[in-house]
Amino acid sequence: MITALLLIAAQASAAPVAPDPRIAARVDRVLRQTPVIDGHNDLAWEIRDTHGAKVESLDLAADTRPLQTDIPRLRKGRVGAQFWSVWIPADTTGPRAVEMTLEQIDIVRRFVAANPAALEQATSAADIRRIERAGRDRVADRRRGRASDRRAPLRAAPISRARRRLHDADA
């Protein structure tokens, strides 16, 4: 116990070490050549949960704390591509699960469409490379590898049709 307390006290009193500028320059060089690809981000759920799915109520070009993501932090972290999670609660099942998943996809598409100077949807590695050359952050779509129109935001009609089919099948 005394040893543990001494270790904690020693760590607490240690002065912070100044970053080595050579290491910082090397990290910067590596990240310029090989950007980070973040494999999971729950921003769509956070927008749904804390902003009622109203993408327009949020400016992703500014600091959005306490939300986990915004464009300045993606850039600061050198995130080169982002997989947006379309998470739903595990206890949501059946038609409601499909509906919520489609709504989450819609949220992602709407915030990408609202930030065309910074974000673009990618559905392939070639898209990621093309977008990288254009200087925008990538939004990867990993829903069964299906291609989708990167220019048009998801409209409400396809969601309504899917909803109708699900409810008809349930009846």
N, C-alpha and C. Protein backbone atom coordinates (compact mmCIF):
# COMPACT_ATOMS: atom_id res chain seq x y z
N MET A 1 0.83 -1.19 0.00
CA MET A 1 0.00 0.00 0.00
C MET A 1 0.87 1.25 0.00
N ILE A 2 1.91 1.27 0.87
CA ILE A 2 2.78 2.44 0.94
C ILE A 2 3.51 2.63 -0.38
N THR A 3 3.94 1.53 -1.00
CA THR A 3 4.62 1.61 -2.29
C THR A 3 3.71 2.22 -3.34
N ALA A 4 2.46 1.78 -3.34
CA ALA A 4 1.50 2.32 -4.31
C ALA A 4 1.30 3.81 -4.10
N LEU A 5 1.17 4.24 -2.86
CA LEU A 5 0.99 5.68 -2.57
C LEU A 5 2.23 6.48 -2.98
N LEU A 6 3.41 5.93 -2.75
CA LEU A 6 4.64 6.62 -3.15
C LEU A 6 4.72 6.76 -4.67
N LEU A 7 4.32 5.69 -5.39
CA LEU A 7 4.32 5.76 -6.85
C LEU A 7 3.34 6.81 -7.36
N ILE A 8 2.16 6.84 -6.75
CA ILE A 8 1.16 7.84 -7.15
C ILE A 8 1.68 9.24 -6.87
N ALA A 9 2.28 9.44 -5.70
CA ALA A 9 2.81 10.76 -5.34
C ALA A 9 3.94 11.16 -6.29
N ALA A 10 4.80 10.23 -6.65
CA ALA A 10 5.91 10.53 -7.57
C ALA A 10 5.39 10.91 -8.94
N GLN A 11 4.37 10.21 -9.41
CA GLN A 11 3.81 10.54 -10.71
C GLN A 11 3.13 11.90 -10.69
N ALA A 12 2.43 12.21 -9.61
CA ALA A 12 1.72 13.47 -9.52
C ALA A 12 2.67 14.66 -9.47
N SER A 13 3.86 14.45 -8.88
CA SER A 13 4.80 15.57 -8.75
C SER A 13 5.74 15.71 -9.94
N ALA A 14 5.74 14.74 -10.84
CA ALA A 14 6.64 14.81 -11.99
C ALA A 14 6.25 15.97 -12.90
N ALA A 15 7.24 16.73 -13.31
CA ALA A 15 6.99 17.87 -14.20
C ALA A 15 6.67 17.36 -15.60
N PRO A 16 5.73 18.02 -16.28
CA PRO A 16 5.43 17.58 -17.65
C PRO A 16 6.65 17.74 -18.55
N VAL A 17 6.83 16.79 -19.42
CA VAL A 17 7.97 16.80 -20.33
C VAL A 17 7.58 17.57 -21.58
N ALA A 18 8.44 18.51 -21.97
CA ALA A 18 8.18 19.29 -23.18
C ALA A 18 8.32 18.38 -24.40
N PRO A 19 7.41 18.50 -25.36
CA PRO A 19 7.50 17.64 -26.56
C PRO A 19 8.77 17.97 -27.36
N ASP A 20 9.38 16.93 -27.86
CA ASP A 20 10.56 17.07 -28.69
C ASP A 20 10.12 17.56 -30.07
N PRO A 21 10.59 18.72 -30.54
CA PRO A 21 10.15 19.24 -31.84
C PRO A 21 10.50 18.31 -33.00
N ARG A 22 11.57 17.53 -32.86
CA ARG A 22 11.92 16.58 -33.93
C ARG A 22 10.88 15.47 -34.03
N ILE A 23 10.40 15.02 -32.87
CA ILE A 23 9.37 13.97 -32.88
C ILE A 23 8.08 14.53 -33.43
N ALA A 24 7.71 15.74 -33.03
CA ALA A 24 6.48 16.38 -33.53
C ALA A 24 6.55 16.54 -35.05
N ALA A 25 7.70 16.94 -35.57
CA ALA A 25 7.86 17.10 -37.03
C ALA A 25 7.74 15.75 -37.73
N ARG A 26 8.31 14.71 -37.12
CA ARG A 26 8.22 13.38 -37.72
C ARG A 26 6.78 12.87 -37.74
N VAL A 27 6.07 13.06 -36.62
CA VAL A 27 4.66 12.65 -36.55
C VAL A 27 3.86 13.40 -37.61
N ASP A 28 4.09 14.69 -37.73
CA ASP A 28 3.38 15.50 -38.72
C ASP A 28 3.65 14.98 -40.14
N ARG A 29 4.90 14.66 -40.43
CA ARG A 29 5.27 14.15 -41.76
C ARG A 29 4.58 12.81 -42.04
N VAL A 30 4.60 11.91 -41.05
CA VAL A 30 3.97 10.59 -41.22
C VAL A 30 2.47 10.75 -41.45
N LEU A 31 1.81 11.61 -40.66
CA LEU A 31 0.36 11.79 -40.80
C LEU A 31 -0.02 12.48 -42.11
N ARG A 32 0.85 13.31 -42.66
CA ARG A 32 0.57 13.90 -43.98
C ARG A 32 0.60 12.83 -45.06
N GLN A 33 1.50 11.86 -44.91
CA GLN A 33 1.64 10.81 -45.91
C GLN A 33 0.66 9.66 -45.69
N THR A 34 0.29 9.41 -44.46
CA THR A 34 -0.59 8.28 -44.12
C THR A 34 -1.62 8.76 -43.11
N PRO A 35 -2.73 9.30 -43.58
CA PRO A 35 -3.71 9.86 -42.65
C PRO A 35 -4.40 8.79 -41.81
N VAL A 36 -4.86 9.20 -40.65
CA VAL A 36 -5.60 8.33 -39.75
C VAL A 36 -6.96 8.01 -40.37
N ILE A 37 -7.37 6.76 -40.31
CA ILE A 37 -8.72 6.37 -40.71
C ILE A 37 -9.42 5.86 -39.45
N ASP A 38 -10.36 6.65 -38.97
CA ASP A 38 -11.08 6.33 -37.74
C ASP A 38 -12.22 5.38 -38.07
N GLY A 39 -12.23 4.22 -37.44
CA GLY A 39 -13.19 3.18 -37.77
C GLY A 39 -14.53 3.25 -37.08
N HIS A 40 -14.77 4.22 -36.21
CA HIS A 40 -16.06 4.27 -35.51
C HIS A 40 -16.29 5.67 -34.95
N ASN A 41 -17.46 6.21 -35.22
CA ASN A 41 -17.82 7.53 -34.69
C ASN A 41 -19.33 7.58 -34.53
N ASP A 42 -19.79 7.92 -33.35
CA ASP A 42 -21.22 7.94 -33.03
C ASP A 42 -21.86 9.33 -33.16
N LEU A 43 -21.28 10.20 -33.96
CA LEU A 43 -21.84 11.55 -34.08
C LEU A 43 -23.30 11.53 -34.53
N ALA A 44 -23.66 10.66 -35.45
CA ALA A 44 -25.06 10.61 -35.92
C ALA A 44 -26.01 10.34 -34.76
N TRP A 45 -25.64 9.39 -33.90
CA TRP A 45 -26.50 9.11 -32.75
C TRP A 45 -26.54 10.31 -31.80
N GLU A 46 -25.39 10.93 -31.59
CA GLU A 46 -25.36 12.11 -30.71
C GLU A 46 -26.26 13.22 -31.25
N ILE A 47 -26.23 13.44 -32.55
CA ILE A 47 -27.10 14.47 -33.14
C ILE A 47 -28.56 14.07 -32.94
N ARG A 48 -28.86 12.82 -33.14
CA ARG A 48 -30.22 12.33 -32.94
C ARG A 48 -30.64 12.50 -31.48
N ASP A 49 -29.76 12.10 -30.57
CA ASP A 49 -30.07 12.05 -29.14
C ASP A 49 -30.12 13.44 -28.50
N THR A 50 -29.17 14.30 -28.85
CA THR A 50 -29.08 15.60 -28.16
C THR A 50 -29.65 16.77 -28.95
N HIS A 51 -29.87 16.59 -30.26
CA HIS A 51 -30.38 17.67 -31.10
C HIS A 51 -31.64 17.27 -31.86
N GLY A 52 -32.29 16.19 -31.43
CA GLY A 52 -33.52 15.76 -32.09
C GLY A 52 -33.35 15.46 -33.56
N ALA A 53 -32.16 14.99 -33.96
CA ALA A 53 -31.82 14.66 -35.35
C ALA A 53 -31.80 15.89 -36.25
N LYS A 54 -31.78 17.08 -35.66
CA LYS A 54 -31.78 18.33 -36.43
C LYS A 54 -30.34 18.74 -36.76
N VAL A 55 -29.85 18.25 -37.89
CA VAL A 55 -28.50 18.55 -38.33
C VAL A 55 -28.31 20.06 -38.46
N GLU A 56 -29.35 20.74 -38.92
CA GLU A 56 -29.26 22.20 -39.13
C GLU A 56 -29.08 22.98 -37.83
N SER A 57 -29.29 22.35 -36.69
CA SER A 57 -29.12 23.05 -35.41
C SER A 57 -27.66 23.03 -34.95
N LEU A 58 -26.79 22.47 -35.75
CA LEU A 58 -25.40 22.26 -35.37
C LEU A 58 -24.47 22.80 -36.44
N ASP A 59 -23.41 23.46 -36.01
CA ASP A 59 -22.40 23.94 -36.95
C ASP A 59 -21.15 23.10 -36.76
N LEU A 60 -20.98 22.08 -37.60
CA LEU A 60 -19.82 21.20 -37.47
C LEU A 60 -18.51 21.88 -37.83
N ALA A 61 -18.57 23.07 -38.41
CA ALA A 61 -17.35 23.81 -38.72
C ALA A 61 -16.80 24.51 -37.47
N ALA A 62 -17.54 24.47 -36.37
CA ALA A 62 -17.12 25.08 -35.11
C ALA A 62 -16.99 23.99 -34.05
N ASP A 63 -16.49 24.36 -32.90
CA ASP A 63 -16.37 23.43 -31.78
C ASP A 63 -17.76 23.01 -31.32
N THR A 64 -18.03 21.72 -31.29
CA THR A 64 -19.36 21.22 -30.91
C THR A 64 -19.36 20.51 -29.56
N ARG A 65 -18.30 20.70 -28.77
CA ARG A 65 -18.28 20.02 -27.47
C ARG A 65 -19.56 20.31 -26.71
N PRO A 66 -20.15 19.34 -26.07
CA PRO A 66 -19.62 18.05 -25.64
C PRO A 66 -19.76 16.93 -26.66
N LEU A 67 -20.25 17.19 -27.87
CA LEU A 67 -20.30 16.14 -28.88
C LEU A 67 -18.87 15.68 -29.17
N GLN A 68 -18.73 14.45 -29.65
CA GLN A 68 -17.39 13.89 -29.81
C GLN A 68 -16.65 14.35 -31.06
N THR A 69 -17.33 15.01 -31.99
CA THR A 69 -16.69 15.31 -33.27
C THR A 69 -17.14 16.64 -33.84
N ASP A 70 -16.20 17.31 -34.47
CA ASP A 70 -16.49 18.46 -35.33
C ASP A 70 -15.34 18.56 -36.33
N ILE A 71 -15.50 19.36 -37.33
CA ILE A 71 -14.50 19.44 -38.41
C ILE A 71 -13.15 19.94 -37.90
N PRO A 72 -13.10 20.98 -37.06
CA PRO A 72 -11.77 21.41 -36.57
C PRO A 72 -11.03 20.30 -35.82
N ARG A 73 -11.73 19.51 -35.02
CA ARG A 73 -11.05 18.43 -34.29
C ARG A 73 -10.65 17.29 -35.22
N LEU A 74 -11.46 17.01 -36.26
CA LEU A 74 -11.05 16.01 -37.25
C LEU A 74 -9.75 16.44 -37.92
N ARG A 75 -9.67 17.70 -38.27
CA ARG A 75 -8.45 18.22 -38.93
C ARG A 75 -7.26 18.22 -37.99
N LYS A 76 -7.48 18.67 -36.75
CA LYS A 76 -6.39 18.71 -35.78
C LYS A 76 -5.84 17.31 -35.53
N GLY A 77 -6.72 16.32 -35.49
CA GLY A 77 -6.29 14.94 -35.28
C GLY A 77 -5.81 14.25 -36.54
N ARG A 78 -5.79 14.98 -37.64
CA ARG A 78 -5.34 14.45 -38.93
C ARG A 78 -6.15 13.22 -39.35
N VAL A 79 -7.45 13.26 -39.09
CA VAL A 79 -8.30 12.15 -39.51
C VAL A 79 -8.50 12.29 -41.01
N GLY A 80 -8.07 11.29 -41.73
CA GLY A 80 -8.14 11.33 -43.18
C GLY A 80 -9.41 10.71 -43.73
N ALA A 81 -10.00 9.79 -42.96
CA ALA A 81 -11.28 9.18 -43.35
C ALA A 81 -11.99 8.76 -42.07
N GLN A 82 -13.29 8.80 -42.12
CA GLN A 82 -14.10 8.51 -40.94
C GLN A 82 -15.22 7.54 -41.30
N PHE A 83 -15.32 6.45 -40.57
CA PHE A 83 -16.49 5.57 -40.69
C PHE A 83 -17.49 6.06 -39.67
N TRP A 84 -18.65 6.51 -40.15
CA TRP A 84 -19.69 6.99 -39.25
C TRP A 84 -20.55 5.82 -38.84
N SER A 85 -20.69 5.59 -37.56
CA SER A 85 -21.50 4.50 -37.06
C SER A 85 -22.98 4.86 -37.18
N VAL A 86 -23.78 3.90 -37.54
CA VAL A 86 -25.23 4.09 -37.53
C VAL A 86 -25.80 3.18 -36.44
N TRP A 87 -25.26 3.34 -35.25
CA TRP A 87 -25.61 2.56 -34.08
C TRP A 87 -27.06 2.82 -33.66
N ILE A 88 -27.70 1.75 -33.22
CA ILE A 88 -29.02 1.87 -32.58
C ILE A 88 -28.99 0.98 -31.34
N PRO A 89 -29.84 1.25 -30.37
CA PRO A 89 -29.84 0.42 -29.16
C PRO A 89 -30.09 -1.06 -29.48
N ALA A 90 -29.41 -1.94 -28.78
CA ALA A 90 -29.51 -3.38 -29.04
C ALA A 90 -30.91 -3.93 -28.80
N ASP A 91 -31.68 -3.27 -27.96
CA ASP A 91 -33.02 -3.79 -27.69
C ASP A 91 -34.05 -3.33 -28.73
N THR A 92 -33.61 -2.56 -29.73
CA THR A 92 -34.50 -2.15 -30.82
C THR A 92 -34.47 -3.24 -31.88
N THR A 93 -35.63 -3.79 -32.21
CA THR A 93 -35.68 -4.92 -33.14
C THR A 93 -36.76 -4.71 -34.19
N GLY A 94 -36.76 -5.61 -35.17
CA GLY A 94 -37.81 -5.62 -36.18
C GLY A 94 -37.82 -4.38 -37.04
N PRO A 95 -39.00 -4.01 -37.52
CA PRO A 95 -39.13 -2.85 -38.41
C PRO A 95 -38.59 -1.56 -37.80
N ARG A 96 -38.75 -1.38 -36.50
CA ARG A 96 -38.25 -0.15 -35.87
C ARG A 96 -36.72 -0.08 -35.97
N ALA A 97 -36.03 -1.21 -35.86
CA ALA A 97 -34.57 -1.23 -35.99
C ALA A 97 -34.15 -0.78 -37.39
N VAL A 98 -34.84 -1.27 -38.40
CA VAL A 98 -34.52 -0.88 -39.78
C VAL A 98 -34.81 0.61 -39.97
N GLU A 99 -35.93 1.05 -39.48
CA GLU A 99 -36.31 2.46 -39.61
C GLU A 99 -35.28 3.36 -38.93
N MET A 100 -34.86 3.01 -37.71
CA MET A 100 -33.88 3.83 -37.00
C MET A 100 -32.54 3.83 -37.73
N THR A 101 -32.15 2.70 -38.31
CA THR A 101 -30.90 2.63 -39.06
C THR A 101 -30.97 3.55 -40.27
N LEU A 102 -32.07 3.52 -41.00
CA LEU A 102 -32.24 4.41 -42.15
C LEU A 102 -32.22 5.88 -41.72
N GLU A 103 -32.81 6.17 -40.58
CA GLU A 103 -32.79 7.55 -40.07
C GLU A 103 -31.37 7.99 -39.73
N GLN A 104 -30.58 7.07 -39.15
CA GLN A 104 -29.19 7.39 -38.84
C GLN A 104 -28.39 7.67 -40.12
N ILE A 105 -28.59 6.84 -41.14
CA ILE A 105 -27.92 7.05 -42.42
C ILE A 105 -28.31 8.41 -42.99
N ASP A 106 -29.57 8.76 -42.86
CA ASP A 106 -30.06 10.06 -43.32
C ASP A 106 -29.35 11.20 -42.59
N ILE A 107 -29.16 11.06 -41.29
CA ILE A 107 -28.46 12.10 -40.52
C ILE A 107 -27.04 12.27 -41.05
N VAL A 108 -26.33 11.16 -41.27
CA VAL A 108 -24.96 11.24 -41.80
C VAL A 108 -24.96 11.94 -43.15
N ARG A 109 -25.84 11.53 -44.03
CA ARG A 109 -25.88 12.16 -45.36
C ARG A 109 -26.20 13.64 -45.27
N ARG A 110 -27.10 14.01 -44.35
CA ARG A 110 -27.45 15.43 -44.24
C ARG A 110 -26.29 16.26 -43.68
N PHE A 111 -25.52 15.74 -42.70
CA PHE A 111 -24.42 16.57 -42.22
C PHE A 111 -23.26 16.59 -43.20
N VAL A 112 -23.11 15.57 -44.01
CA VAL A 112 -22.11 15.62 -45.09
C VAL A 112 -22.55 16.65 -46.13
N ALA A 113 -23.82 16.61 -46.53
CA ALA A 113 -24.35 17.56 -47.52
C ALA A 113 -24.28 19.00 -47.00
N ALA A 114 -24.41 19.18 -45.70
CA ALA A 114 -24.37 20.53 -45.12
C ALA A 114 -22.96 21.09 -45.03
N ASN A 115 -21.95 20.25 -45.26
CA ASN A 115 -20.55 20.68 -45.14
C ASN A 115 -19.73 20.25 -46.36
N PRO A 116 -20.15 20.65 -47.58
CA PRO A 116 -19.50 20.15 -48.79
C PRO A 116 -18.05 20.60 -48.96
N ALA A 117 -17.67 21.69 -48.32
CA ALA A 117 -16.29 22.16 -48.46
C ALA A 117 -15.34 21.29 -47.63
N ALA A 118 -15.86 20.60 -46.64
CA ALA A 118 -15.00 19.83 -45.75
C ALA A 118 -15.23 18.33 -45.84
N LEU A 119 -16.43 17.90 -46.18
CA LEU A 119 -16.76 16.47 -46.14
C LEU A 119 -17.33 16.00 -47.47
N GLU A 120 -17.02 14.76 -47.80
CA GLU A 120 -17.61 14.12 -48.97
C GLU A 120 -17.71 12.64 -48.69
N GLN A 121 -18.77 12.03 -49.12
CA GLN A 121 -18.97 10.61 -48.89
C GLN A 121 -18.12 9.80 -49.86
N ALA A 122 -17.46 8.77 -49.33
CA ALA A 122 -16.65 7.86 -50.14
C ALA A 122 -17.24 6.46 -50.02
N THR A 123 -17.33 5.76 -51.12
CA THR A 123 -17.84 4.39 -51.09
C THR A 123 -16.79 3.39 -51.55
N SER A 124 -15.58 3.86 -51.82
CA SER A 124 -14.51 2.96 -52.25
C SER A 124 -13.16 3.58 -51.90
N ALA A 125 -12.12 2.77 -51.95
CA ALA A 125 -10.77 3.28 -51.71
C ALA A 125 -10.40 4.31 -52.77
N ALA A 126 -10.85 4.10 -54.00
CA ALA A 126 -10.58 5.08 -55.06
C ALA A 126 -11.21 6.42 -54.73
N ASP A 127 -12.43 6.40 -54.17
CA ASP A 127 -13.07 7.65 -53.75
C ASP A 127 -12.23 8.34 -52.68
N ILE A 128 -11.73 7.58 -51.72
CA ILE A 128 -10.91 8.17 -50.64
C ILE A 128 -9.69 8.85 -51.24
N ARG A 129 -9.01 8.18 -52.17
CA ARG A 129 -7.82 8.79 -52.78
C ARG A 129 -8.19 10.05 -53.57
N ARG A 130 -9.28 9.99 -54.34
CA ARG A 130 -9.71 11.15 -55.13
C ARG A 130 -10.05 12.33 -54.22
N ILE A 131 -10.78 12.06 -53.16
CA ILE A 131 -11.18 13.12 -52.24
C ILE A 131 -9.96 13.68 -51.51
N GLU A 132 -9.04 12.80 -51.15
CA GLU A 132 -7.82 13.25 -50.48
C GLU A 132 -7.05 14.22 -51.38
N ARG A 133 -6.96 13.90 -52.66
CA ARG A 133 -6.27 14.80 -53.59
C ARG A 133 -6.99 16.15 -53.67
N ALA A 134 -8.32 16.14 -53.49
CA ALA A 134 -9.09 17.38 -53.52
C ALA A 134 -8.99 18.15 -52.20
N GLY A 135 -8.43 17.50 -51.16
CA GLY A 135 -8.21 18.19 -49.90
C GLY A 135 -9.38 18.18 -48.94
N ARG A 136 -10.32 17.26 -49.10
CA ARG A 136 -11.45 17.18 -48.16
C ARG A 136 -11.30 15.94 -47.29
N ASP A 137 -11.97 15.96 -46.14
CA ASP A 137 -12.02 14.79 -45.29
C ASP A 137 -12.97 13.79 -45.93
N ARG A 138 -12.71 12.52 -45.71
CA ARG A 138 -13.53 11.49 -46.31
C ARG A 138 -14.56 10.95 -45.33
N VAL A 139 -15.70 10.58 -45.84
CA VAL A 139 -16.75 9.94 -45.06
C VAL A 139 -16.97 8.59 -45.71
N ALA A 140 -16.55 7.53 -45.06
CA ALA A 140 -16.65 6.21 -45.65
C ALA A 140 -18.01 5.59 -45.34
N ASP A 141 -18.56 4.94 -46.32
CA ASP A 141 -19.87 4.29 -46.19
C ASP A 141 -19.63 2.80 -46.28
N ARG A 142 -19.78 2.10 -45.17
CA ARG A 142 -19.48 0.67 -45.21
C ARG A 142 -20.74 -0.19 -45.08
N ARG A 143 -21.86 0.32 -45.54
CA ARG A 143 -23.09 -0.48 -45.55
C ARG A 143 -23.01 -1.49 -46.67
N ARG A 144 -22.56 -2.68 -46.39
CA ARG A 144 -22.51 -3.78 -47.36
C ARG A 144 -21.80 -3.41 -48.65
N GLY A 145 -20.89 -2.43 -48.60
CA GLY A 145 -20.12 -2.07 -49.77
C GLY A 145 -20.93 -1.49 -50.91
N ARG A 146 -22.13 -1.04 -50.65
CA ARG A 146 -22.99 -0.53 -51.72
C ARG A 146 -22.60 0.90 -52.08
N ALA A 147 -22.59 1.16 -53.35
CA ALA A 147 -22.32 2.52 -53.81
C ALA A 147 -23.58 3.36 -53.63
N SER A 148 -23.39 4.63 -53.45
CA SER A 148 -24.53 5.53 -53.34
C SER A 148 -24.16 6.86 -53.98
N ASP A 149 -25.14 7.65 -54.29
CA ASP A 149 -24.91 8.94 -54.93
C ASP A 149 -24.29 9.88 -53.91
N ARG A 150 -23.07 10.32 -54.16
CA ARG A 150 -22.36 11.17 -53.22
C ARG A 150 -22.84 12.61 -53.25
N ARG A 151 -23.57 12.98 -54.28
CA ARG A 151 -23.94 14.39 -54.42
C ARG A 151 -25.30 14.71 -53.81
N ALA A 152 -26.20 13.77 -53.81
CA ALA A 152 -27.57 14.07 -53.38
C ALA A 152 -27.82 13.58 -51.96
N PRO A 153 -28.31 14.43 -51.09
CA PRO A 153 -28.65 13.95 -49.75
C PRO A 153 -29.83 12.99 -49.84
N LEU A 154 -29.90 12.09 -48.89
CA LEU A 154 -31.01 11.13 -48.86
C LEU A 154 -32.32 11.89 -48.68
N ARG A 155 -33.28 11.60 -49.54
CA ARG A 155 -34.59 12.25 -49.44
C ARG A 155 -35.50 11.43 -48.54
N ALA A 156 -36.55 12.04 -48.07
CA ALA A 156 -37.48 11.36 -47.17
C ALA A 156 -38.26 10.26 -47.87
N ALA A 157 -38.49 10.37 -49.18
CA ALA A 157 -39.32 9.39 -49.89
C ALA A 157 -38.80 7.96 -49.75
N PRO A 158 -37.49 7.68 -49.96
CA PRO A 158 -37.05 6.30 -49.82
C PRO A 158 -37.27 5.75 -48.41
N ILE A 159 -37.10 6.60 -47.40
CA ILE A 159 -37.34 6.15 -46.03
C ILE A 159 -38.82 5.83 -45.86
N SER A 160 -39.70 6.66 -46.38
CA SER A 160 -41.13 6.41 -46.26
C SER A 160 -41.53 5.11 -46.95
N ARG A 161 -40.98 4.85 -48.14
CA ARG A 161 -41.28 3.60 -48.84
C ARG A 161 -40.79 2.39 -48.04
N ALA A 162 -39.59 2.50 -47.50
CA ALA A 162 -39.05 1.39 -46.70
C ALA A 162 -39.91 1.17 -45.46
N ARG A 163 -40.33 2.24 -44.83
CA ARG A 163 -41.19 2.15 -43.65
C ARG A 163 -42.50 1.44 -44.00
N ARG A 164 -43.10 1.82 -45.13
CA ARG A 164 -44.36 1.23 -45.55
C ARG A 164 -44.19 -0.27 -45.81
N ARG A 165 -43.11 -0.65 -46.50
CA ARG A 165 -42.86 -2.06 -46.78
C ARG A 165 -42.69 -2.86 -45.48
N LEU A 166 -41.95 -2.29 -44.53
CA LEU A 166 -41.73 -2.98 -43.26
C LEU A 166 -43.03 -3.17 -42.51
N HIS A 167 -43.84 -2.11 -42.46
CA HIS A 167 -45.12 -2.21 -41.73
C HIS A 167 -46.08 -3.16 -42.44
N ASP A 168 -46.07 -3.18 -43.77
CA ASP A 168 -46.93 -4.10 -44.52
C ASP A 168 -46.50 -5.55 -44.24
N ALA A 169 -45.19 -5.78 -44.18
CA ALA A 169 -44.68 -7.14 -43.94
C ALA A 169 -45.01 -7.59 -42.52
N ASP A 170 -45.06 -6.63 -41.60
CA ASP A 170 -45.34 -6.93 -40.20
C ASP A 170 -46.82 -7.27 -39.98
N ALA A 171 -47.69 -6.73 -40.84
CA ALA A 171 -49.15 -6.90 -40.63
C ALA A 171 -49.62 -8.29 -40.96
